Amino acid sequence: IVRDFAREVVAPVIAEHYERHTFPYEVIRQMGKMGL
């Protein structure tokens, strides 16, 4: 489940956050809903 989430949700957006030095709030919210 976490592997799929990382590939399908994190991977498409993280490079832009990394370059802009921004915190990925939308990813964190989804992780919260997953119970991580």
PDB file of all heavy atoms in Angstrom:
ATOM      1  N   ILE A   1       0.830  -1.201   0.000  1.00  0.00           N
ATOM      2  CA  ILE A   1       0.000   0.000   0.000  1.00  0.00           C
ATOM      3  C   ILE A   1       0.868   1.255   0.000  1.00  0.00           C
ATOM      4  O   ILE A   1       0.637   2.196  -0.772  1.00  0.00           O
ATOM      5  CB  ILE A   1      -0.949   0.002   1.220  1.00  0.00           C
ATOM      6  CG1 ILE A   1      -2.042  -1.061   1.050  1.00  0.00           C
ATOM      7  CG2 ILE A   1      -1.576   1.379   1.417  1.00  0.00           C
ATOM      8  CD1 ILE A   1      -2.875  -1.284   2.292  1.00  0.00           C
ATOM      9  N   VAL A   2       1.881   1.275   0.873  1.00  0.00           N
ATOM     10  CA  VAL A   2       2.759   2.446   0.946  1.00  0.00           C
ATOM     11  C   VAL A   2       3.621   2.543  -0.308  1.00  0.00           C
ATOM     12  O   VAL A   2       3.875   3.646  -0.814  1.00  0.00           O
ATOM     13  CB  VAL A   2       3.633   2.389   2.214  1.00  0.00           C
ATOM     14  CG1 VAL A   2       4.541   3.612   2.278  1.00  0.00           C
ATOM     15  CG2 VAL A   2       2.770   2.319   3.468  1.00  0.00           C
ATOM     16  N   ARG A   3       4.054   1.419  -0.849  1.00  0.00           N
ATOM     17  CA  ARG A   3       4.846   1.440  -2.086  1.00  0.00           C
ATOM     18  C   ARG A   3       4.041   2.059  -3.222  1.00  0.00           C
ATOM     19  O   ARG A   3       4.547   2.913  -3.968  1.00  0.00           O
ATOM     20  CB  ARG A   3       5.280   0.018  -2.448  1.00  0.00           C
ATOM     21  CG  ARG A   3       6.132  -0.058  -3.724  1.00  0.00           C
ATOM     22  CD  ARG A   3       6.604  -1.493  -3.972  1.00  0.00           C
ATOM     23  NE  ARG A   3       7.443  -1.971  -2.889  1.00  0.00           N
ATOM     24  CZ  ARG A   3       7.947  -3.206  -2.823  1.00  0.00           C
ATOM     25  NH1 ARG A   3       7.654  -4.088  -3.773  1.00  0.00           N
ATOM     26  NH2 ARG A   3       8.708  -3.566  -1.808  1.00  0.00           N
ATOM     27  N   ASP A   4       2.783   1.658  -3.351  1.00  0.00           N
ATOM     28  CA  ASP A   4       1.934   2.220  -4.405  1.00  0.00           C
ATOM     29  C   ASP A   4       1.711   3.709  -4.184  1.00  0.00           C
ATOM     30  O   ASP A   4       1.729   4.506  -5.136  1.00  0.00           O
ATOM     31  CB  ASP A   4       0.591   1.487  -4.443  1.00  0.00           C
ATOM     32  CG  ASP A   4       0.707   0.071  -4.973  1.00  0.00           C
ATOM     33  OD1 ASP A   4       1.733  -0.264  -5.600  1.00  0.00           O
ATOM     34  OD2 ASP A   4      -0.240  -0.719  -4.743  1.00  0.00           O
ATOM     35  N   PHE A   5       1.496   4.100  -2.929  1.00  0.00           N
ATOM     36  CA  PHE A   5       1.290   5.511  -2.612  1.00  0.00           C
ATOM     37  C   PHE A   5       2.533   6.328  -2.989  1.00  0.00           C
ATOM     38  O   PHE A   5       2.420   7.414  -3.579  1.00  0.00           O
ATOM     39  CB  PHE A   5       0.995   5.669  -1.120  1.00  0.00           C
ATOM     40  CG  PHE A   5       0.917   7.093  -0.651  1.00  0.00           C
ATOM     41  CD1 PHE A   5      -0.221   7.839  -0.856  1.00  0.00           C
ATOM     42  CD2 PHE A   5       1.994   7.683  -0.006  1.00  0.00           C
ATOM     43  CE1 PHE A   5      -0.298   9.162  -0.437  1.00  0.00           C
ATOM     44  CE2 PHE A   5       1.931   8.998   0.419  1.00  0.00           C
ATOM     45  CZ  PHE A   5       0.781   9.746   0.205  1.00  0.00           C
ATOM     46  N   ALA A   6       3.712   5.811  -2.648  1.00  0.00           N
ATOM     47  CA  ALA A   6       4.948   6.528  -2.950  1.00  0.00           C
ATOM     48  C   ALA A   6       5.123   6.715  -4.456  1.00  0.00           C
ATOM     49  O   ALA A   6       5.514   7.795  -4.927  1.00  0.00           O
ATOM     50  CB  ALA A   6       6.144   5.781  -2.363  1.00  0.00           C
ATOM     51  N   ARG A   7       4.810   5.684  -5.210  1.00  0.00           N
ATOM     52  CA  ARG A   7       4.999   5.745  -6.659  1.00  0.00           C
ATOM     53  C   ARG A   7       3.928   6.579  -7.359  1.00  0.00           C
ATOM     54  O   ARG A   7       4.229   7.319  -8.307  1.00  0.00           O
ATOM     55  CB  ARG A   7       4.995   4.326  -7.236  1.00  0.00           C
ATOM     56  CG  ARG A   7       6.214   3.501  -6.845  1.00  0.00           C
ATOM     57  CD  ARG A   7       6.073   2.066  -7.326  1.00  0.00           C
ATOM     58  NE  ARG A   7       7.268   1.279  -7.043  1.00  0.00           N
ATOM     59  CZ  ARG A   7       7.379  -0.029  -7.241  1.00  0.00           C
ATOM     60  NH1 ARG A   7       6.332  -0.705  -7.726  1.00  0.00           N
ATOM     61  NH2 ARG A   7       8.502  -0.669  -6.969  1.00  0.00           N
ATOM     62  N   GLU A   8       2.692   6.481  -6.879  1.00  0.00           N
ATOM     63  CA  GLU A   8       1.579   7.112  -7.587  1.00  0.00           C
ATOM     64  C   GLU A   8       1.265   8.525  -7.100  1.00  0.00           C
ATOM     65  O   GLU A   8       0.749   9.350  -7.873  1.00  0.00           O
ATOM     66  CB  GLU A   8       0.334   6.239  -7.447  1.00  0.00           C
ATOM     67  CG  GLU A   8       0.483   4.860  -8.094  1.00  0.00           C
ATOM     68  CD  GLU A   8      -0.665   3.926  -7.753  1.00  0.00           C
ATOM     69  OE1 GLU A   8      -1.663   4.406  -7.139  1.00  0.00           O
ATOM     70  OE2 GLU A   8      -0.570   2.732  -8.069  1.00  0.00           O
ATOM     71  N   VAL A   9       1.571   8.808  -5.824  1.00  0.00           N
ATOM     72  CA  VAL A   9       1.225  10.118  -5.255  1.00  0.00           C
ATOM     73  C   VAL A   9       2.463  10.982  -5.004  1.00  0.00           C
ATOM     74  O   VAL A   9       2.499  12.153  -5.370  1.00  0.00           O
ATOM     75  CB  VAL A   9       0.429   9.945  -3.940  1.00  0.00           C
ATOM     76  CG1 VAL A   9       0.123  11.303  -3.316  1.00  0.00           C
ATOM     77  CG2 VAL A   9      -0.865   9.176  -4.202  1.00  0.00           C
ATOM     78  N   VAL A  10       3.484  10.392  -4.390  1.00  0.00           N
ATOM     79  CA  VAL A  10       4.670  11.175  -4.040  1.00  0.00           C
ATOM     80  C   VAL A  10       5.523  11.461  -5.270  1.00  0.00           C
ATOM     81  O   VAL A  10       5.915  12.613  -5.521  1.00  0.00           O
ATOM     82  CB  VAL A  10       5.508  10.450  -2.969  1.00  0.00           C
ATOM     83  CG1 VAL A  10       6.755  11.284  -2.632  1.00  0.00           C
ATOM     84  CG2 VAL A  10       4.687  10.198  -1.715  1.00  0.00           C
ATOM     85  N   ALA A  11       5.841  10.431  -6.037  1.00  0.00           N
ATOM     86  CA  ALA A  11       6.779  10.577  -7.155  1.00  0.00           C
ATOM     87  C   ALA A  11       6.404  11.676  -8.152  1.00  0.00           C
ATOM     88  O   ALA A  11       7.275  12.441  -8.585  1.00  0.00           O
ATOM     89  CB  ALA A  11       6.939   9.235  -7.873  1.00  0.00           C
ATOM     90  N   PRO A  12       5.130  11.819  -8.531  1.00  0.00           N
ATOM     91  CA  PRO A  12       4.803  12.838  -9.551  1.00  0.00           C
ATOM     92  C   PRO A  12       4.986  14.281  -9.096  1.00  0.00           C
ATOM     93  O   PRO A  12       5.107  15.177  -9.944  1.00  0.00           O
ATOM     94  CB  PRO A  12       3.325  12.556  -9.856  1.00  0.00           C
ATOM     95  CG  PRO A  12       3.108  11.136  -9.457  1.00  0.00           C
ATOM     96  CD  PRO A  12       3.972  10.951  -8.253  1.00  0.00           C
ATOM     97  N   VAL A  13       4.996  14.538  -7.789  1.00  0.00           N
ATOM     98  CA  VAL A  13       5.016  15.936  -7.315  1.00  0.00           C
ATOM     99  C   VAL A  13       6.275  16.319  -6.559  1.00  0.00           C
ATOM    100  O   VAL A  13       6.551  17.511  -6.386  1.00  0.00           O
ATOM    101  CB  VAL A  13       3.791  16.220  -6.410  1.00  0.00           C
ATOM    102  CG1 VAL A  13       2.494  15.948  -7.167  1.00  0.00           C
ATOM    103  CG2 VAL A  13       3.839  15.413  -5.117  1.00  0.00           C
ATOM    104  N   ILE A  14       7.047  15.348  -6.102  1.00  0.00           N
ATOM    105  CA  ILE A  14       8.099  15.674  -5.133  1.00  0.00           C
ATOM    106  C   ILE A  14       9.263  16.435  -5.762  1.00  0.00           C
ATOM    107  O   ILE A  14       9.896  17.259  -5.090  1.00  0.00           O
ATOM    108  CB  ILE A  14       8.604  14.394  -4.414  1.00  0.00           C
ATOM    109  CG1 ILE A  14       9.341  14.788  -3.133  1.00  0.00           C
ATOM    110  CG2 ILE A  14       9.471  13.549  -5.332  1.00  0.00           C
ATOM    111  CD1 ILE A  14       8.507  15.562  -2.127  1.00  0.00           C
ATOM    112  N   ALA A  15       9.564  16.188  -7.032  1.00  0.00           N
ATOM    113  CA  ALA A  15      10.695  16.885  -7.653  1.00  0.00           C
ATOM    114  C   ALA A  15      10.482  18.394  -7.636  1.00  0.00           C
ATOM    115  O   ALA A  15      11.412  19.166  -7.359  1.00  0.00           O
ATOM    116  CB  ALA A  15      10.911  16.380  -9.078  1.00  0.00           C
ATOM    117  N   GLU A  16       9.248  18.833  -7.910  1.00  0.00           N
ATOM    118  CA  GLU A  16       8.963  20.272  -7.898  1.00  0.00           C
ATOM    119  C   GLU A  16       9.091  20.836  -6.493  1.00  0.00           C
ATOM    120  O   GLU A  16       9.655  21.926  -6.293  1.00  0.00           O
ATOM    121  CB  GLU A  16       7.562  20.545  -8.452  1.00  0.00           C
ATOM    122  CG  GLU A  16       7.235  22.032  -8.528  1.00  0.00           C
ATOM    123  CD  GLU A  16       5.883  22.309  -9.157  1.00  0.00           C
ATOM    124  OE1 GLU A  16       5.215  21.342  -9.582  1.00  0.00           O
ATOM    125  OE2 GLU A  16       5.487  23.484  -9.199  1.00  0.00           O
ATOM    126  N   HIS A  17       8.571  20.116  -5.497  1.00  0.00           N
ATOM    127  CA  HIS A  17       8.733  20.580  -4.111  1.00  0.00           C
ATOM    128  C   HIS A  17      10.211  20.657  -3.740  1.00  0.00           C
ATOM    129  O   HIS A  17      10.640  21.588  -3.052  1.00  0.00           O
ATOM    130  CB  HIS A  17       8.009  19.621  -3.158  1.00  0.00           C
ATOM    131  CG  HIS A  17       6.533  19.822  -3.100  1.00  0.00           C
ATOM    132  ND1 HIS A  17       5.959  20.970  -2.588  1.00  0.00           N
ATOM    133  CD2 HIS A  17       5.499  19.020  -3.482  1.00  0.00           C
ATOM    134  CE1 HIS A  17       4.635  20.867  -2.653  1.00  0.00           C
ATOM    135  NE2 HIS A  17       4.336  19.700  -3.193  1.00  0.00           N
ATOM    136  N   TYR A  18      10.968  19.674  -4.189  1.00  0.00           N
ATOM    137  CA  TYR A  18      12.388  19.617  -3.858  1.00  0.00           C
ATOM    138  C   TYR A  18      13.124  20.819  -4.447  1.00  0.00           C
ATOM    139  O   TYR A  18      13.939  21.450  -3.776  1.00  0.00           O
ATOM    140  CB  TYR A  18      12.974  18.310  -4.409  1.00  0.00           C
ATOM    141  CG  TYR A  18      14.325  17.938  -3.856  1.00  0.00           C
ATOM    142  CD1 TYR A  18      14.440  17.127  -2.724  1.00  0.00           C
ATOM    143  CD2 TYR A  18      15.497  18.368  -4.466  1.00  0.00           C
ATOM    144  CE1 TYR A  18      15.679  16.769  -2.221  1.00  0.00           C
ATOM    145  CE2 TYR A  18      16.739  18.024  -3.967  1.00  0.00           C
ATOM    146  CZ  TYR A  18      16.829  17.216  -2.851  1.00  0.00           C
ATOM    147  OH  TYR A  18      18.057  16.870  -2.350  1.00  0.00           O
ATOM    148  N   GLU A  19      12.826  21.129  -5.684  1.00  0.00           N
ATOM    149  CA  GLU A  19      13.494  22.250  -6.355  1.00  0.00           C
ATOM    150  C   GLU A  19      13.076  23.594  -5.768  1.00  0.00           C
ATOM    151  O   GLU A  19      13.890  24.517  -5.660  1.00  0.00           O
ATOM    152  CB  GLU A  19      13.200  22.208  -7.853  1.00  0.00           C
ATOM    153  CG  GLU A  19      13.952  21.109  -8.590  1.00  0.00           C
ATOM    154  CD  GLU A  19      15.455  21.237  -8.425  1.00  0.00           C
ATOM    155  OE1 GLU A  19      16.009  22.271  -8.839  1.00  0.00           O
ATOM    156  OE2 GLU A  19      16.073  20.303  -7.879  1.00  0.00           O
ATOM    157  N   ARG A  20      11.805  23.707  -5.383  1.00  0.00           N
ATOM    158  CA  ARG A  20      11.294  24.973  -4.861  1.00  0.00           C
ATOM    159  C   ARG A  20      11.465  25.096  -3.345  1.00  0.00           C
ATOM    160  O   ARG A  20      11.185  26.140  -2.762  1.00  0.00           O
ATOM    161  CB  ARG A  20       9.809  25.120  -5.214  1.00  0.00           C
ATOM    162  CG  ARG A  20       9.549  25.243  -6.718  1.00  0.00           C
ATOM    163  CD  ARG A  20       8.067  25.123  -7.025  1.00  0.00           C
ATOM    164  NE  ARG A  20       7.272  26.086  -6.255  1.00  0.00           N
ATOM    165  CZ  ARG A  20       5.959  26.009  -6.078  1.00  0.00           C
ATOM    166  NH1 ARG A  20       5.285  24.991  -6.623  1.00  0.00           N
ATOM    167  NH2 ARG A  20       5.320  26.905  -5.379  1.00  0.00           N
ATOM    168  N   HIS A  21      11.947  24.028  -2.712  1.00  0.00           N
ATOM    169  CA  HIS A  21      12.114  23.996  -1.261  1.00  0.00           C
ATOM    170  C   HIS A  21      10.787  24.281  -0.545  1.00  0.00           C
ATOM    171  O   HIS A  21      10.719  25.068   0.400  1.00  0.00           O
ATOM    172  CB  HIS A  21      13.179  25.005  -0.796  1.00  0.00           C
ATOM    173  CG  HIS A  21      14.562  24.689  -1.270  1.00  0.00           C
ATOM    174  ND1 HIS A  21      15.682  25.033  -0.556  1.00  0.00           N
ATOM    175  CD2 HIS A  21      15.026  24.050  -2.369  1.00  0.00           C
ATOM    176  CE1 HIS A  21      16.762  24.629  -1.216  1.00  0.00           C
ATOM    177  NE2 HIS A  21      16.373  24.030  -2.314  1.00  0.00           N
ATOM    178  N   THR A  22       9.735  23.614  -1.005  1.00  0.00           N
ATOM    179  CA  THR A  22       8.415  23.790  -0.410  1.00  0.00           C
ATOM    180  C   THR A  22       7.969  22.503   0.277  1.00  0.00           C
ATOM    181  O   THR A  22       8.347  21.406  -0.126  1.00  0.00           O
ATOM    182  CB  THR A  22       7.375  24.196  -1.468  1.00  0.00           C
ATOM    183  OG1 THR A  22       7.408  23.251  -2.557  1.00  0.00           O
ATOM    184  CG2 THR A  22       7.675  25.587  -2.002  1.00  0.00           C
ATOM    185  N   PHE A  23       7.153  22.662   1.279  1.00  0.00           N
ATOM    186  CA  PHE A  23       6.693  21.533   2.072  1.00  0.00           C
ATOM    187  C   PHE A  23       5.463  20.902   1.402  1.00  0.00           C
ATOM    188  O   PHE A  23       4.509  21.614   1.057  1.00  0.00           O
ATOM    189  CB  PHE A  23       6.328  22.007   3.488  1.00  0.00           C
ATOM    190  CG  PHE A  23       6.075  20.901   4.472  1.00  0.00           C
ATOM    191  CD1 PHE A  23       7.110  20.140   4.969  1.00  0.00           C
ATOM    192  CD2 PHE A  23       4.785  20.621   4.910  1.00  0.00           C
ATOM    193  CE1 PHE A  23       6.883  19.118   5.891  1.00  0.00           C
ATOM    194  CE2 PHE A  23       4.536  19.621   5.823  1.00  0.00           C
ATOM    195  CZ  PHE A  23       5.595  18.860   6.317  1.00  0.00           C
ATOM    196  N   PRO A  24       5.447  19.590   1.217  1.00  0.00           N
ATOM    197  CA  PRO A  24       4.358  18.943   0.466  1.00  0.00           C
ATOM    198  C   PRO A  24       3.118  18.685   1.320  1.00  0.00           C
ATOM    199  O   PRO A  24       2.784  17.543   1.643  1.00  0.00           O
ATOM    200  CB  PRO A  24       5.004  17.637   0.006  1.00  0.00           C
ATOM    201  CG  PRO A  24       5.962  17.298   1.107  1.00  0.00           C
ATOM    202  CD  PRO A  24       6.505  18.633   1.582  1.00  0.00           C
ATOM    203  N   TYR A  25       2.398  19.744   1.657  1.00  0.00           N
ATOM    204  CA  TYR A  25       1.237  19.610   2.540  1.00  0.00           C
ATOM    205  C   TYR A  25       0.202  18.630   1.988  1.00  0.00           C
ATOM    206  O   TYR A  25      -0.421  17.879   2.740  1.00  0.00           O
ATOM    207  CB  TYR A  25       0.573  20.982   2.753  1.00  0.00           C
ATOM    208  CG  TYR A  25       1.351  21.912   3.647  1.00  0.00           C
ATOM    209  CD1 TYR A  25       2.109  22.943   3.108  1.00  0.00           C
ATOM    210  CD2 TYR A  25       1.342  21.750   5.032  1.00  0.00           C
ATOM    211  CE1 TYR A  25       2.842  23.807   3.922  1.00  0.00           C
ATOM    212  CE2 TYR A  25       2.068  22.615   5.854  1.00  0.00           C
ATOM    213  CZ  TYR A  25       2.813  23.634   5.298  1.00  0.00           C
ATOM    214  OH  TYR A  25       3.532  24.477   6.105  1.00  0.00           O
ATOM    215  N   GLU A  26      -0.007  18.641   0.654  1.00  0.00           N
ATOM    216  CA  GLU A  26      -1.031  17.779   0.081  1.00  0.00           C
ATOM    217  C   GLU A  26      -0.671  16.302   0.260  1.00  0.00           C
ATOM    218  O   GLU A  26      -1.550  15.451   0.484  1.00  0.00           O
ATOM    219  CB  GLU A  26      -1.245  18.111  -1.403  1.00  0.00           C
ATOM    220  CG  GLU A  26      -0.161  17.659  -2.363  1.00  0.00           C
ATOM    221  CD  GLU A  26       1.085  18.534  -2.387  1.00  0.00           C
ATOM    222  OE1 GLU A  26       1.216  19.427  -1.522  1.00  0.00           O
ATOM    223  OE2 GLU A  26       1.919  18.324  -3.278  1.00  0.00           O
ATOM    224  N   VAL A  27       0.625  15.980   0.207  1.00  0.00           N
ATOM    225  CA  VAL A  27       1.072  14.605   0.426  1.00  0.00           C
ATOM    226  C   VAL A  27       0.907  14.214   1.888  1.00  0.00           C
ATOM    227  O   VAL A  27       0.435  13.112   2.216  1.00  0.00           O
ATOM    228  CB  VAL A  27       2.542  14.439  -0.010  1.00  0.00           C
ATOM    229  CG1 VAL A  27       3.073  13.058   0.383  1.00  0.00           C
ATOM    230  CG2 VAL A  27       2.686  14.664  -1.512  1.00  0.00           C
ATOM    231  N   ILE A  28       1.269  15.126   2.776  1.00  0.00           N
ATOM    232  CA  ILE A  28       1.171  14.858   4.211  1.00  0.00           C
ATOM    233  C   ILE A  28      -0.281  14.633   4.626  1.00  0.00           C
ATOM    234  O   ILE A  28      -0.579  13.753   5.441  1.00  0.00           O
ATOM    235  CB  ILE A  28       1.790  16.018   5.024  1.00  0.00           C
ATOM    236  CG1 ILE A  28       3.268  16.211   4.636  1.00  0.00           C
ATOM    237  CG2 ILE A  28       1.656  15.759   6.515  1.00  0.00           C
ATOM    238  CD1 ILE A  28       4.117  14.969   4.748  1.00  0.00           C
ATOM    239  N   ARG A  29      -1.191  15.410   4.048  1.00  0.00           N
ATOM    240  CA  ARG A  29      -2.609  15.224   4.368  1.00  0.00           C
ATOM    241  C   ARG A  29      -3.078  13.827   3.977  1.00  0.00           C
ATOM    242  O   ARG A  29      -3.806  13.164   4.731  1.00  0.00           O
ATOM    243  CB  ARG A  29      -3.453  16.288   3.652  1.00  0.00           C
ATOM    244  CG  ARG A  29      -3.476  17.637   4.341  1.00  0.00           C
ATOM    245  CD  ARG A  29      -4.566  18.527   3.768  1.00  0.00           C
ATOM    246  NE  ARG A  29      -4.298  18.885   2.389  1.00  0.00           N
ATOM    247  CZ  ARG A  29      -3.602  19.964   2.021  1.00  0.00           C
ATOM    248  NH1 ARG A  29      -3.117  20.786   2.945  1.00  0.00           N
ATOM    249  NH2 ARG A  29      -3.397  20.234   0.741  1.00  0.00           N
ATOM    250  N   GLN A  30      -2.653  13.371   2.817  1.00  0.00           N
ATOM    251  CA  GLN A  30      -3.056  12.031   2.381  1.00  0.00           C
ATOM    252  C   GLN A  30      -2.438  10.949   3.250  1.00  0.00           C
ATOM    253  O   GLN A  30      -3.076   9.936   3.542  1.00  0.00           O
ATOM    254  CB  GLN A  30      -2.669  11.831   0.913  1.00  0.00           C
ATOM    255  CG  GLN A  30      -3.475  12.694  -0.045  1.00  0.00           C
ATOM    256  CD  GLN A  30      -3.148  12.410  -1.492  1.00  0.00           C
ATOM    257  OE1 GLN A  30      -3.392  11.324  -1.998  1.00  0.00           O
ATOM    258  NE2 GLN A  30      -2.575  13.400  -2.170  1.00  0.00           N
ATOM    259  N   MET A  31      -1.210  11.161   3.685  1.00  0.00           N
ATOM    260  CA  MET A  31      -0.568  10.211   4.596  1.00  0.00           C
ATOM    261  C   MET A  31      -1.332  10.134   5.917  1.00  0.00           C
ATOM    262  O   MET A  31      -1.463   9.061   6.524  1.00  0.00           O
ATOM    263  CB  MET A  31       0.887  10.614   4.830  1.00  0.00           C
ATOM    264  CG  MET A  31       1.776  10.380   3.622  1.00  0.00           C
ATOM    265  SD  MET A  31       3.373  11.245   3.720  1.00  0.00           S
ATOM    266  CE  MET A  31       4.056  10.562   5.233  1.00  0.00           C
ATOM    267  N   GLY A  32      -1.825  11.294   6.360  1.00  0.00           N
ATOM    268  CA  GLY A  32      -2.622  11.304   7.578  1.00  0.00           C
ATOM    269  C   GLY A  32      -3.899  10.502   7.429  1.00  0.00           C
ATOM    270  O   GLY A  32      -4.272   9.724   8.314  1.00  0.00           O
ATOM    271  N   LYS A  33      -4.571  10.669   6.286  1.00  0.00           N
ATOM    272  CA  LYS A  33      -5.810   9.924   6.048  1.00  0.00           C
ATOM    273  C   LYS A  33      -5.555   8.426   5.957  1.00  0.00           C
ATOM    274  O   LYS A  33      -6.427   7.614   6.302  1.00  0.00           O
ATOM    275  CB  LYS A  33      -6.466  10.426   4.769  1.00  0.00           C
ATOM    276  CG  LYS A  33      -7.003  11.853   4.869  1.00  0.00           C
ATOM    277  CD  LYS A  33      -7.605  12.328   3.551  1.00  0.00           C
ATOM    278  CE  LYS A  33      -8.125  13.752   3.656  1.00  0.00           C
ATOM    279  NZ  LYS A  33      -8.669  14.247   2.358  1.00  0.00           N
ATOM    280  N   MET A  34      -4.362   8.045   5.514  1.00  0.00           N
ATOM    281  CA  MET A  34      -3.997   6.628   5.424  1.00  0.00           C
ATOM    282  C   MET A  34      -3.679   6.025   6.792  1.00  0.00           C
ATOM    283  O   MET A  34      -3.585   4.802   6.929  1.00  0.00           O
ATOM    284  CB  MET A  34      -2.775   6.453   4.511  1.00  0.00           C
ATOM    285  CG  MET A  34      -3.029   6.755   3.058  1.00  0.00           C
ATOM    286  SD  MET A  34      -1.473   6.776   2.109  1.00  0.00           S
ATOM    287  CE  MET A  34      -0.933   5.067   2.291  1.00  0.00           C
ATOM    288  N   GLY A  35      -3.478   6.884   7.792  1.00  0.00           N
ATOM    289  CA  GLY A  35      -3.157   6.397   9.129  1.00  0.00           C
ATOM    290  C   GLY A  35      -1.684   6.175   9.386  1.00  0.00           C
ATOM    291  O   GLY A  35      -1.306   5.575  10.402  1.00  0.00           O
ATOM    292  N   LEU A  36      -0.815   6.687   8.499  1.00  0.00           N
ATOM    293  CA  LEU A  36       0.616   6.419   8.656  1.00  0.00           C
ATOM    294  C   LEU A  36       1.201   7.052   9.914  1.00  0.00           C
ATOM    295  O   LEU A  36       2.120   6.489  10.524  1.00  0.00           O
ATOM    296  CB  LEU A  36       1.380   6.910   7.420  1.00  0.00           C
ATOM    297  CG  LEU A  36       1.021   6.255   6.084  1.00  0.00           C
ATOM    298  CD1 LEU A  36       1.986   6.712   4.983  1.00  0.00           C
ATOM    299  CD2 LEU A  36       1.034   4.734   6.203  1.00  0.00           C
TER     300      LEU A  36
END
